[in-house]
Amino acid sequence: MKHKILVLGLVMSCLLGLTACGKEITYNTVEGSRYNPDEFNQDFMANYANIFEDRLFEQWYLRDITPENFEKELYFDIATSQQGGTITYDDDFFEVCRSGYDSWYKAIKDIGFTSKDTLADEVKVTDTTYYINDDGVLVLDATVTGTKHSALMEMYLNNSGLPTDVGITVNKTTGEKLENAGLNTLLGMGMAFAVLIIISLIISLFPLISGTGRKKKESDKEIAQKAMDNTITQIADKEDLSSDAELVAVIAAAIAAYEGSASTDGFTVRSIRKVNSKWKNNR
């Protein structure tokens, strides 16, 4: 018992030690990191968020820039070297801008604005928060508000002050999230059932496409009737066959099969003669 208590105490100590090892996040400061606190301060981060949302994303939108024509319209404006400066805007920076604008472009209708004429006044950055994450990277969280919803614009910055990733997430209510989840579920199930129905229709058309279908299964009486017809056809041209014991036995077996009898007992073939009309069962 003492050993069990000792082991339990050791496990609890380890868990508490691991909990204490977690680094506490301090907001709105870069002290103790590789970022210069004199440069990356509250004013700088607020201006940085406004530059991207207001002067870049919104202005591109007003110029009818879309994710589809982004590269054609803006590549030479963004991915150009700045002569005499310390920062070079290269392809990596261009891709970050394109990814960020694509995210903003998809979210702007949910954020909400009345028209392009009122976009600048109705969509704004209302709050900014920054911190150093567990990987030592500076993260800038900016709240973007519109006429319908607010959204979180999250930016990751390197120590040169350039973004390495930009994303926009609209803050929706629980009801809206459940509605979207329900619609996605119905759409997914509908697509699955539609595909299954199409596959079943294609499979059902295989016999028609190949020109082969299932043959109708013949009944026992139909088989017996065919056997009798074949036998009668064979003897039709012969005159006196009543003495042919083998042929009589064949005819008797065919009649027994047609009548559904297990044996030929109970009837006797006395004579065989040719008739002009086709033999029929006149029961």
C-alpha atoms as a PDB file:
ATOM      1  CA  MET A   1       0.000   0.000   0.000  1.00  0.00           C
ATOM      2  CA  LYS A   2       2.819   2.383   0.854  1.00  0.00           C
ATOM      3  CA  HIS A   3       4.446   1.691  -2.526  1.00  0.00           C
ATOM      4  CA  LYS A   4       1.215   2.536  -4.376  1.00  0.00           C
ATOM      5  CA  ILE A   5       0.888   5.825  -2.512  1.00  0.00           C
ATOM      6  CA  LEU A   6       4.526   6.646  -3.294  1.00  0.00           C
ATOM      7  CA  VAL A   7       4.058   5.937  -7.007  1.00  0.00           C
ATOM      8  CA  LEU A   8       0.858   8.022  -7.097  1.00  0.00           C
ATOM      9  CA  GLY A   9       2.635  10.939  -5.414  1.00  0.00           C
ATOM     10  CA  LEU A  10       5.495  10.719  -7.909  1.00  0.00           C
ATOM     11  CA  VAL A  11       3.089  10.765 -10.866  1.00  0.00           C
ATOM     12  CA  MET A  12       1.238  13.799  -9.490  1.00  0.00           C
ATOM     13  CA  SER A  13       4.547  15.620  -8.959  1.00  0.00           C
ATOM     14  CA  CYS A  14       5.545  14.984 -12.585  1.00  0.00           C
ATOM     15  CA  LEU A  15       2.198  16.274 -13.863  1.00  0.00           C
ATOM     16  CA  LEU A  16       2.442  19.412 -11.772  1.00  0.00           C
ATOM     17  CA  GLY A  17       6.025  19.913 -12.946  1.00  0.00           C
ATOM     18  CA  LEU A  18       4.965  19.661 -16.604  1.00  0.00           C
ATOM     19  CA  THR A  19       2.166  22.157 -16.004  1.00  0.00           C
ATOM     20  CA  ALA A  20       4.587  24.598 -14.475  1.00  0.00           C
ATOM     21  CA  CYS A  21       6.891  24.271 -17.475  1.00  0.00           C
ATOM     22  CA  GLY A  22       4.343  25.921 -19.799  1.00  0.00           C
ATOM     23  CA  LYS A  23       5.447  29.362 -20.910  1.00  0.00           C
ATOM     24  CA  GLU A  24       3.128  32.189 -19.940  1.00  0.00           C
ATOM     25  CA  ILE A  25       2.195  34.423 -22.868  1.00  0.00           C
ATOM     26  CA  THR A  26       2.671  38.141 -22.336  1.00  0.00           C
ATOM     27  CA  TYR A  27       0.627  40.378 -24.619  1.00  0.00           C
ATOM     28  CA  ASN A  28       1.599  43.664 -26.306  1.00  0.00           C
ATOM     29  CA  THR A  29       5.328  43.292 -25.700  1.00  0.00           C
ATOM     30  CA  VAL A  30       8.275  41.605 -27.394  1.00  0.00           C
ATOM     31  CA  GLU A  31      10.651  41.833 -24.430  1.00  0.00           C
ATOM     32  CA  GLY A  32      12.994  38.867 -24.156  1.00  0.00           C
ATOM     33  CA  SER A  33      12.586  37.856 -27.824  1.00  0.00           C
ATOM     34  CA  ARG A  34      14.643  38.387 -30.944  1.00  0.00           C
ATOM     35  CA  TYR A  35      12.386  41.291 -31.959  1.00  0.00           C
ATOM     36  CA  ASN A  36      13.476  44.855 -31.210  1.00  0.00           C
ATOM     37  CA  PRO A  37      11.064  46.293 -28.586  1.00  0.00           C
ATOM     38  CA  ASP A  38      11.800  49.865 -29.728  1.00  0.00           C
ATOM     39  CA  GLU A  39      10.562  49.035 -33.219  1.00  0.00           C
ATOM     40  CA  PHE A  40       7.777  46.550 -32.544  1.00  0.00           C
ATOM     41  CA  ASN A  41       5.621  48.580 -30.168  1.00  0.00           C
ATOM     42  CA  GLN A  42       1.889  49.206 -29.901  1.00  0.00           C
ATOM     43  CA  ASP A  43       1.790  52.088 -32.379  1.00  0.00           C
ATOM     44  CA  PHE A  44       3.825  50.212 -34.955  1.00  0.00           C
ATOM     45  CA  MET A  45       1.628  47.092 -34.733  1.00  0.00           C
ATOM     46  CA  ALA A  46      -1.623  49.107 -34.957  1.00  0.00           C
ATOM     47  CA  ASN A  47      -0.339  50.985 -38.030  1.00  0.00           C
ATOM     48  CA  TYR A  48       0.874  47.728 -39.557  1.00  0.00           C
ATOM     49  CA  ALA A  49      -2.590  46.153 -39.316  1.00  0.00           C
ATOM     50  CA  ASN A  50      -4.230  49.285 -40.752  1.00  0.00           C
ATOM     51  CA  ILE A  51      -1.804  49.409 -43.669  1.00  0.00           C
ATOM     52  CA  PHE A  52      -2.644  45.867 -44.736  1.00  0.00           C
ATOM     53  CA  GLU A  53      -6.404  46.052 -44.200  1.00  0.00           C
ATOM     54  CA  ASP A  54      -7.083  49.639 -45.243  1.00  0.00           C
ATOM     55  CA  ARG A  55      -4.381  50.657 -47.714  1.00  0.00           C
ATOM     56  CA  LEU A  56      -3.785  47.308 -49.373  1.00  0.00           C
ATOM     57  CA  PHE A  57      -6.737  44.913 -49.160  1.00  0.00           C
ATOM     58  CA  GLU A  58      -9.499  47.525 -49.396  1.00  0.00           C
ATOM     59  CA  GLN A  59      -7.763  49.495 -52.155  1.00  0.00           C
ATOM     60  CA  TRP A  60      -7.195  46.330 -54.186  1.00  0.00           C
ATOM     61  CA  TYR A  61     -10.868  45.459 -53.780  1.00  0.00           C
ATOM     62  CA  LEU A  62     -11.913  48.910 -55.019  1.00  0.00           C
ATOM     63  CA  ARG A  63      -9.654  48.385 -58.050  1.00  0.00           C
ATOM     64  CA  ASP A  64     -11.606  45.202 -58.851  1.00  0.00           C
ATOM     65  CA  ILE A  65      -8.665  42.962 -57.990  1.00  0.00           C
ATOM     66  CA  THR A  66      -9.773  39.352 -57.441  1.00  0.00           C
ATOM     67  CA  PRO A  67      -7.855  36.221 -56.398  1.00  0.00           C
ATOM     68  CA  GLU A  68      -8.080  35.111 -60.046  1.00  0.00           C
ATOM     69  CA  ASN A  69      -6.435  38.204 -61.588  1.00  0.00           C
ATOM     70  CA  PHE A  70      -4.228  39.026 -58.578  1.00  0.00           C
ATOM     71  CA  GLU A  71      -0.959  37.876 -60.149  1.00  0.00           C
ATOM     72  CA  LYS A  72      -1.650  39.505 -63.507  1.00  0.00           C
ATOM     73  CA  GLU A  73      -2.578  42.875 -61.997  1.00  0.00           C
ATOM     74  CA  LEU A  74      -0.234  43.182 -59.012  1.00  0.00           C
ATOM     75  CA  TYR A  75       2.879  41.067 -59.466  1.00  0.00           C
ATOM     76  CA  PHE A  76       5.126  43.885 -60.662  1.00  0.00           C
ATOM     77  CA  ASP A  77       3.708  46.256 -58.047  1.00  0.00           C
ATOM     78  CA  ILE A  78       4.542  43.954 -55.126  1.00  0.00           C
ATOM     79  CA  ALA A  79       7.404  41.633 -56.015  1.00  0.00           C
ATOM     80  CA  THR A  80       9.961  44.291 -56.943  1.00  0.00           C
ATOM     81  CA  SER A  81      13.309  45.057 -55.338  1.00  0.00           C
ATOM     82  CA  GLN A  82      13.626  48.329 -53.478  1.00  0.00           C
ATOM     83  CA  GLN A  83      16.937  49.889 -54.512  1.00  0.00           C
ATOM     84  CA  GLY A  84      18.942  51.375 -51.672  1.00  0.00           C
ATOM     85  CA  GLY A  85      16.654  49.952 -48.976  1.00  0.00           C
ATOM     86  CA  THR A  86      17.136  47.234 -46.388  1.00  0.00           C
ATOM     87  CA  ILE A  87      14.016  45.224 -47.271  1.00  0.00           C
ATOM     88  CA  THR A  88      13.564  43.303 -50.492  1.00  0.00           C
ATOM     89  CA  TYR A  89      10.037  42.406 -51.614  1.00  0.00           C
ATOM     90  CA  ASP A  90      10.464  39.058 -53.303  1.00  0.00           C
ATOM     91  CA  ASP A  91       8.214  36.222 -54.472  1.00  0.00           C
ATOM     92  CA  ASP A  92       7.702  34.976 -50.915  1.00  0.00           C
ATOM     93  CA  PHE A  93       6.267  38.337 -49.900  1.00  0.00           C
ATOM     94  CA  PHE A  94       4.060  38.329 -53.005  1.00  0.00           C
ATOM     95  CA  GLU A  95       2.661  34.875 -52.131  1.00  0.00           C
ATOM     96  CA  VAL A  96       1.906  36.001 -48.570  1.00  0.00           C
ATOM     97  CA  CYS A  97       0.037  39.036 -49.903  1.00  0.00           C
ATOM     98  CA  ARG A  98      -1.914  36.917 -52.366  1.00  0.00           C
ATOM     99  CA  SER A  99      -2.857  34.356 -49.701  1.00  0.00           C
ATOM    100  CA  GLY A 100      -3.874  37.082 -47.257  1.00  0.00           C
ATOM    101  CA  TYR A 101      -5.948  38.945 -49.829  1.00  0.00           C
ATOM    102  CA  ASP A 102      -7.662  35.728 -50.912  1.00  0.00           C
ATOM    103  CA  SER A 103      -8.704  35.128 -47.286  1.00  0.00           C
ATOM    104  CA  TRP A 104      -9.857  38.752 -46.864  1.00  0.00           C
ATOM    105  CA  TYR A 105     -11.734  38.713 -50.201  1.00  0.00           C
ATOM    106  CA  LYS A 106     -13.743  35.629 -49.182  1.00  0.00           C
ATOM    107  CA  ALA A 107     -14.578  37.117 -45.765  1.00  0.00           C
ATOM    108  CA  ILE A 108     -15.477  40.681 -46.695  1.00  0.00           C
ATOM    109  CA  LYS A 109     -19.117  39.939 -47.614  1.00  0.00           C
ATOM    110  CA  ASP A 110     -19.678  38.230 -44.255  1.00  0.00           C
ATOM    111  CA  ILE A 111     -17.983  41.139 -42.483  1.00  0.00           C
ATOM    112  CA  GLY A 112     -20.427  43.407 -44.285  1.00  0.00           C
ATOM    113  CA  PHE A 113     -20.502  46.787 -46.021  1.00  0.00           C
ATOM    114  CA  THR A 114     -23.186  48.777 -47.829  1.00  0.00           C
ATOM    115  CA  SER A 115     -21.371  49.661 -51.047  1.00  0.00           C
ATOM    116  CA  LYS A 116     -17.898  50.271 -52.409  1.00  0.00           C
ATOM    117  CA  ASP A 117     -18.378  53.971 -51.753  1.00  0.00           C
ATOM    118  CA  THR A 118     -18.845  53.330 -48.022  1.00  0.00           C
ATOM    119  CA  LEU A 119     -16.368  50.449 -47.678  1.00  0.00           C
ATOM    120  CA  ALA A 120     -13.556  52.592 -46.241  1.00  0.00           C
ATOM    121  CA  ASP A 121     -15.817  54.056 -43.545  1.00  0.00           C
ATOM    122  CA  GLU A 122     -17.717  50.885 -42.612  1.00  0.00           C
ATOM    123  CA  VAL A 123     -14.852  48.352 -42.474  1.00  0.00           C
ATOM    124  CA  LYS A 124     -12.106  49.238 -39.999  1.00  0.00           C
ATOM    125  CA  VAL A 125      -9.468  47.776 -37.698  1.00  0.00           C
ATOM    126  CA  THR A 126     -10.824  48.470 -34.210  1.00  0.00           C
ATOM    127  CA  ASP A 127      -8.328  46.664 -31.988  1.00  0.00           C
ATOM    128  CA  THR A 128      -4.848  45.126 -32.171  1.00  0.00           C
ATOM    129  CA  THR A 129      -3.038  42.684 -29.892  1.00  0.00           C
ATOM    130  CA  TYR A 130       0.375  41.107 -30.379  1.00  0.00           C
ATOM    131  CA  TYR A 131       2.462  38.491 -28.595  1.00  0.00           C
ATOM    132  CA  ILE A 132       5.329  36.022 -29.016  1.00  0.00           C
ATOM    133  CA  ASN A 133       4.061  32.465 -29.501  1.00  0.00           C
ATOM    134  CA  ASP A 134       5.704  29.236 -28.299  1.00  0.00           C
ATOM    135  CA  ASP A 135       7.835  29.099 -31.462  1.00  0.00           C
ATOM    136  CA  GLY A 136       9.261  32.555 -30.794  1.00  0.00           C
ATOM    137  CA  VAL A 137       7.336  34.153 -33.687  1.00  0.00           C
ATOM    138  CA  LEU A 138       5.607  37.516 -33.380  1.00  0.00           C
ATOM    139  CA  VAL A 139       1.820  37.184 -33.894  1.00  0.00           C
ATOM    140  CA  LEU A 140      -0.393  40.208 -34.561  1.00  0.00           C
ATOM    141  CA  ASP A 141      -4.165  39.786 -33.946  1.00  0.00           C
ATOM    142  CA  ALA A 142      -6.274  42.597 -35.376  1.00  0.00           C
ATOM    143  CA  THR A 143     -10.054  42.870 -35.020  1.00  0.00           C
ATOM    144  CA  VAL A 144     -11.767  43.976 -38.244  1.00  0.00           C
ATOM    145  CA  THR A 145     -15.380  45.133 -37.892  1.00  0.00           C
ATOM    146  CA  GLY A 146     -18.041  45.771 -40.517  1.00  0.00           C
ATOM    147  CA  THR A 147     -21.809  46.177 -40.729  1.00  0.00           C
ATOM    148  CA  LYS A 148     -22.591  42.494 -40.105  1.00  0.00           C
ATOM    149  CA  HIS A 149     -19.764  40.751 -38.254  1.00  0.00           C
ATOM    150  CA  SER A 150     -16.319  41.226 -36.832  1.00  0.00           C
ATOM    151  CA  ALA A 151     -13.344  39.173 -37.980  1.00  0.00           C
ATOM    152  CA  LEU A 152      -9.907  38.224 -36.688  1.00  0.00           C
ATOM    153  CA  MET A 153      -6.996  39.135 -38.974  1.00  0.00           C
ATOM    154  CA  GLU A 154      -3.996  37.147 -37.788  1.00  0.00           C
ATOM    155  CA  MET A 155      -0.521  38.010 -39.062  1.00  0.00           C
ATOM    156  CA  TYR A 156       2.843  36.335 -38.425  1.00  0.00           C
ATOM    157  CA  LEU A 157       5.872  38.629 -38.723  1.00  0.00           C
ATOM    158  CA  ASN A 158       9.576  37.891 -39.014  1.00  0.00           C
ATOM    159  CA  ASN A 159      12.222  40.024 -37.285  1.00  0.00           C
ATOM    160  CA  SER A 160      12.586  42.123 -40.458  1.00  0.00           C
ATOM    161  CA  GLY A 161       9.006  43.286 -40.109  1.00  0.00           C
ATOM    162  CA  LEU A 162       7.645  41.333 -43.075  1.00  0.00           C
ATOM    163  CA  PRO A 163       4.611  39.048 -42.796  1.00  0.00           C
ATOM    164  CA  THR A 164       5.139  35.315 -43.295  1.00  0.00           C
ATOM    165  CA  ASP A 165       1.425  34.454 -43.146  1.00  0.00           C
ATOM    166  CA  VAL A 166      -1.881  36.379 -43.123  1.00  0.00           C
ATOM    167  CA  GLY A 167      -5.372  34.980 -42.546  1.00  0.00           C
ATOM    168  CA  ILE A 168      -8.893  36.304 -41.886  1.00  0.00           C
ATOM    169  CA  THR A 169     -11.512  34.423 -39.810  1.00  0.00           C
ATOM    170  CA  VAL A 170     -15.069  35.764 -39.479  1.00  0.00           C
ATOM    171  CA  ASN A 171     -16.540  35.640 -35.966  1.00  0.00           C
ATOM    172  CA  LYS A 172     -19.978  34.057 -36.473  1.00  0.00           C
ATOM    173  CA  THR A 173     -22.639  33.229 -33.910  1.00  0.00           C
ATOM    174  CA  THR A 174     -23.272  29.672 -32.703  1.00  0.00           C
ATOM    175  CA  GLY A 175     -26.547  29.566 -34.649  1.00  0.00           C
ATOM    176  CA  GLU A 176     -24.812  30.568 -37.878  1.00  0.00           C
ATOM    177  CA  LYS A 177     -22.114  27.957 -37.343  1.00  0.00           C
ATOM    178  CA  LEU A 178     -24.743  25.235 -36.768  1.00  0.00           C
ATOM    179  CA  GLU A 179     -26.648  26.370 -39.857  1.00  0.00           C
ATOM    180  CA  ASN A 180     -23.519  26.189 -42.012  1.00  0.00           C
ATOM    181  CA  ALA A 181     -22.658  22.779 -40.562  1.00  0.00           C
ATOM    182  CA  GLY A 182     -26.184  21.509 -41.337  1.00  0.00           C
ATOM    183  CA  LEU A 183     -26.053  22.813 -44.898  1.00  0.00           C
ATOM    184  CA  ASN A 184     -22.643  21.234 -45.459  1.00  0.00           C
ATOM    185  CA  THR A 185     -23.919  17.918 -44.096  1.00  0.00           C
ATOM    186  CA  LEU A 186     -27.008  17.961 -46.327  1.00  0.00           C
ATOM    187  CA  LEU A 187     -24.918  18.920 -49.346  1.00  0.00           C
ATOM    188  CA  GLY A 188     -22.445  16.123 -48.674  1.00  0.00           C
ATOM    189  CA  MET A 189     -25.182  13.506 -48.186  1.00  0.00           C
ATOM    190  CA  GLY A 190     -27.039  14.726 -51.264  1.00  0.00           C
ATOM    191  CA  MET A 191     -23.929  14.431 -53.400  1.00  0.00           C
ATOM    192  CA  ALA A 192     -23.243  10.920 -52.058  1.00  0.00           C
ATOM    193  CA  PHE A 193     -26.788   9.694 -52.821  1.00  0.00           C
ATOM    194  CA  ALA A 194     -26.729  11.326 -56.260  1.00  0.00           C
ATOM    195  CA  VAL A 195     -23.488   9.522 -57.125  1.00  0.00           C
ATOM    196  CA  LEU A 196     -24.906   6.197 -55.898  1.00  0.00           C
ATOM    197  CA  ILE A 197     -28.055   6.639 -58.009  1.00  0.00           C
ATOM    198  CA  ILE A 198     -26.002   7.461 -61.102  1.00  0.00           C
ATOM    199  CA  ILE A 199     -23.801   4.403 -60.544  1.00  0.00           C
ATOM    200  CA  SER A 200     -26.853   2.131 -60.145  1.00  0.00           C
ATOM    201  CA  LEU A 201     -28.373   3.512 -63.364  1.00  0.00           C
ATOM    202  CA  ILE A 202     -25.134   2.906 -65.261  1.00  0.00           C
ATOM    203  CA  ILE A 203     -24.946  -0.681 -63.963  1.00  0.00           C
ATOM    204  CA  SER A 204     -28.574  -1.320 -64.969  1.00  0.00           C
ATOM    205  CA  LEU A 205     -27.757  -0.195 -68.529  1.00  0.00           C
ATOM    206  CA  PHE A 206     -24.887  -2.668 -68.967  1.00  0.00           C
ATOM    207  CA  PRO A 207     -27.114  -5.459 -70.450  1.00  0.00           C
ATOM    208  CA  LEU A 208     -28.590  -3.026 -72.982  1.00  0.00           C
ATOM    209  CA  ILE A 209     -25.174  -1.619 -73.906  1.00  0.00           C
ATOM    210  CA  SER A 210     -23.604  -5.076 -74.383  1.00  0.00           C
ATOM    211  CA  GLY A 211     -26.672  -6.418 -76.207  1.00  0.00           C
ATOM    212  CA  THR A 212     -27.051  -9.410 -73.911  1.00  0.00           C
ATOM    213  CA  GLY A 213     -29.788  -9.940 -71.378  1.00  0.00           C
ATOM    214  CA  ARG A 214     -30.830 -12.679 -69.062  1.00  0.00           C
ATOM    215  CA  LYS A 215     -32.650 -15.543 -70.739  1.00  0.00           C
ATOM    216  CA  LYS A 216     -36.019 -16.480 -69.315  1.00  0.00           C
ATOM    217  CA  LYS A 217     -35.803 -19.640 -67.240  1.00  0.00           C
ATOM    218  CA  GLU A 218     -37.778 -22.460 -68.788  1.00  0.00           C
ATOM    219  CA  SER A 219     -40.181 -24.449 -66.663  1.00  0.00           C
ATOM    220  CA  ASP A 220     -40.070 -28.256 -66.342  1.00  0.00           C
ATOM    221  CA  LYS A 221     -43.214 -28.637 -68.443  1.00  0.00           C
ATOM    222  CA  GLU A 222     -41.764 -26.513 -71.242  1.00  0.00           C
ATOM    223  CA  ILE A 223     -38.610 -28.658 -71.245  1.00  0.00           C
ATOM    224  CA  ALA A 224     -40.736 -31.869 -71.337  1.00  0.00           C
ATOM    225  CA  GLN A 225     -42.884 -30.428 -74.135  1.00  0.00           C
ATOM    226  CA  LYS A 226     -39.780 -29.662 -76.200  1.00  0.00           C
ATOM    227  CA  ALA A 227     -38.469 -33.184 -75.606  1.00  0.00           C
ATOM    228  CA  MET A 228     -41.770 -34.706 -76.757  1.00  0.00           C
ATOM    229  CA  ASP A 229     -41.858 -32.478 -79.827  1.00  0.00           C
ATOM    230  CA  ASN A 230     -38.331 -33.532 -80.745  1.00  0.00           C
ATOM    231  CA  THR A 231     -39.207 -37.209 -80.276  1.00  0.00           C
ATOM    232  CA  ILE A 232     -42.394 -36.944 -82.327  1.00  0.00           C
ATOM    233  CA  THR A 233     -40.484 -35.119 -85.054  1.00  0.00           C
ATOM    234  CA  GLN A 234     -37.968 -37.975 -85.192  1.00  0.00           C
ATOM    235  CA  ILE A 235     -40.651 -40.666 -85.534  1.00  0.00           C
ATOM    236  CA  ALA A 236     -42.972 -38.746 -87.835  1.00  0.00           C
ATOM    237  CA  ASP A 237     -41.437 -40.209 -90.992  1.00  0.00           C
ATOM    238  CA  LYS A 238     -41.471 -43.827 -89.756  1.00  0.00           C
ATOM    239  CA  GLU A 239     -44.451 -46.133 -90.399  1.00  0.00           C
ATOM    240  CA  ASP A 240     -44.498 -48.998 -87.864  1.00  0.00           C
ATOM    241  CA  LEU A 241     -42.551 -48.326 -84.690  1.00  0.00           C
ATOM    242  CA  SER A 242     -44.694 -50.096 -82.085  1.00  0.00           C
ATOM    243  CA  SER A 243     -42.204 -52.952 -81.952  1.00  0.00           C
ATOM    244  CA  ASP A 244     -39.228 -50.650 -81.200  1.00  0.00           C
ATOM    245  CA  ALA A 245     -38.903 -51.133 -77.418  1.00  0.00           C
ATOM    246  CA  GLU A 246     -36.179 -48.512 -77.009  1.00  0.00           C
ATOM    247  CA  LEU A 247     -38.241 -45.824 -78.759  1.00  0.00           C
ATOM    248  CA  VAL A 248     -41.340 -46.781 -76.755  1.00  0.00           C
ATOM    249  CA  ALA A 249     -39.338 -46.373 -73.545  1.00  0.00           C
ATOM    250  CA  VAL A 250     -38.166 -42.902 -74.639  1.00  0.00           C
ATOM    251  CA  ILE A 251     -41.715 -41.801 -75.432  1.00  0.00           C
ATOM    252  CA  ALA A 252     -43.014 -43.154 -72.137  1.00  0.00           C
ATOM    253  CA  ALA A 253     -40.282 -41.292 -70.206  1.00  0.00           C
ATOM    254  CA  ALA A 254     -41.095 -38.042 -72.010  1.00  0.00           C
ATOM    255  CA  ILE A 255     -44.802 -38.426 -71.219  1.00  0.00           C
ATOM    256  CA  ALA A 256     -44.008 -39.161 -67.554  1.00  0.00           C
ATOM    257  CA  ALA A 257     -41.821 -36.024 -67.336  1.00  0.00           C
ATOM    258  CA  TYR A 258     -44.547 -33.908 -68.887  1.00  0.00           C
ATOM    259  CA  GLU A 259     -47.181 -35.264 -66.488  1.00  0.00           C
ATOM    260  CA  GLY A 260     -44.869 -34.722 -63.516  1.00  0.00           C
ATOM    261  CA  SER A 261     -44.803 -38.430 -62.686  1.00  0.00           C
ATOM    262  CA  ALA A 262     -41.746 -40.030 -61.101  1.00  0.00           C
ATOM    263  CA  SER A 263     -42.109 -43.254 -63.164  1.00  0.00           C
ATOM    264  CA  THR A 264     -43.887 -44.679 -66.207  1.00  0.00           C
ATOM    265  CA  ASP A 265     -46.062 -47.049 -64.124  1.00  0.00           C
ATOM    266  CA  GLY A 266     -49.798 -46.652 -64.702  1.00  0.00           C
ATOM    267  CA  PHE A 267     -49.831 -46.238 -68.481  1.00  0.00           C
ATOM    268  CA  THR A 268     -48.720 -48.232 -71.548  1.00  0.00           C
ATOM    269  CA  VAL A 269     -47.772 -47.103 -75.046  1.00  0.00           C
ATOM    270  CA  ARG A 270     -49.781 -49.452 -77.265  1.00  0.00           C
ATOM    271  CA  SER A 271     -49.239 -47.915 -80.683  1.00  0.00           C
ATOM    272  CA  ILE A 272     -47.436 -45.134 -82.500  1.00  0.00           C
ATOM    273  CA  ARG A 273     -48.916 -43.662 -85.626  1.00  0.00           C
ATOM    274  CA  LYS A 274     -48.359 -40.624 -87.773  1.00  0.00           C
ATOM    275  CA  VAL A 275     -50.942 -37.835 -87.808  1.00  0.00           C
ATOM    276  CA  ASN A 276     -51.183 -34.769 -89.980  1.00  0.00           C
ATOM    277  CA  SER A 277     -51.740 -32.156 -87.200  1.00  0.00           C
ATOM    278  CA  LYS A 278     -49.293 -31.273 -84.432  1.00  0.00           C
ATOM    279  CA  TRP A 279     -49.750 -33.333 -81.260  1.00  0.00           C
ATOM    280  CA  LYS A 280     -51.328 -31.401 -78.402  1.00  0.00           C
ATOM    281  CA  ASN A 281     -52.209 -32.205 -74.840  1.00  0.00           C
ATOM    282  CA  ASN A 282     -56.033 -32.336 -74.719  1.00  0.00           C
ATOM    283  CA  ARG A 283     -56.447 -32.681 -71.000  1.00  0.00           C
END
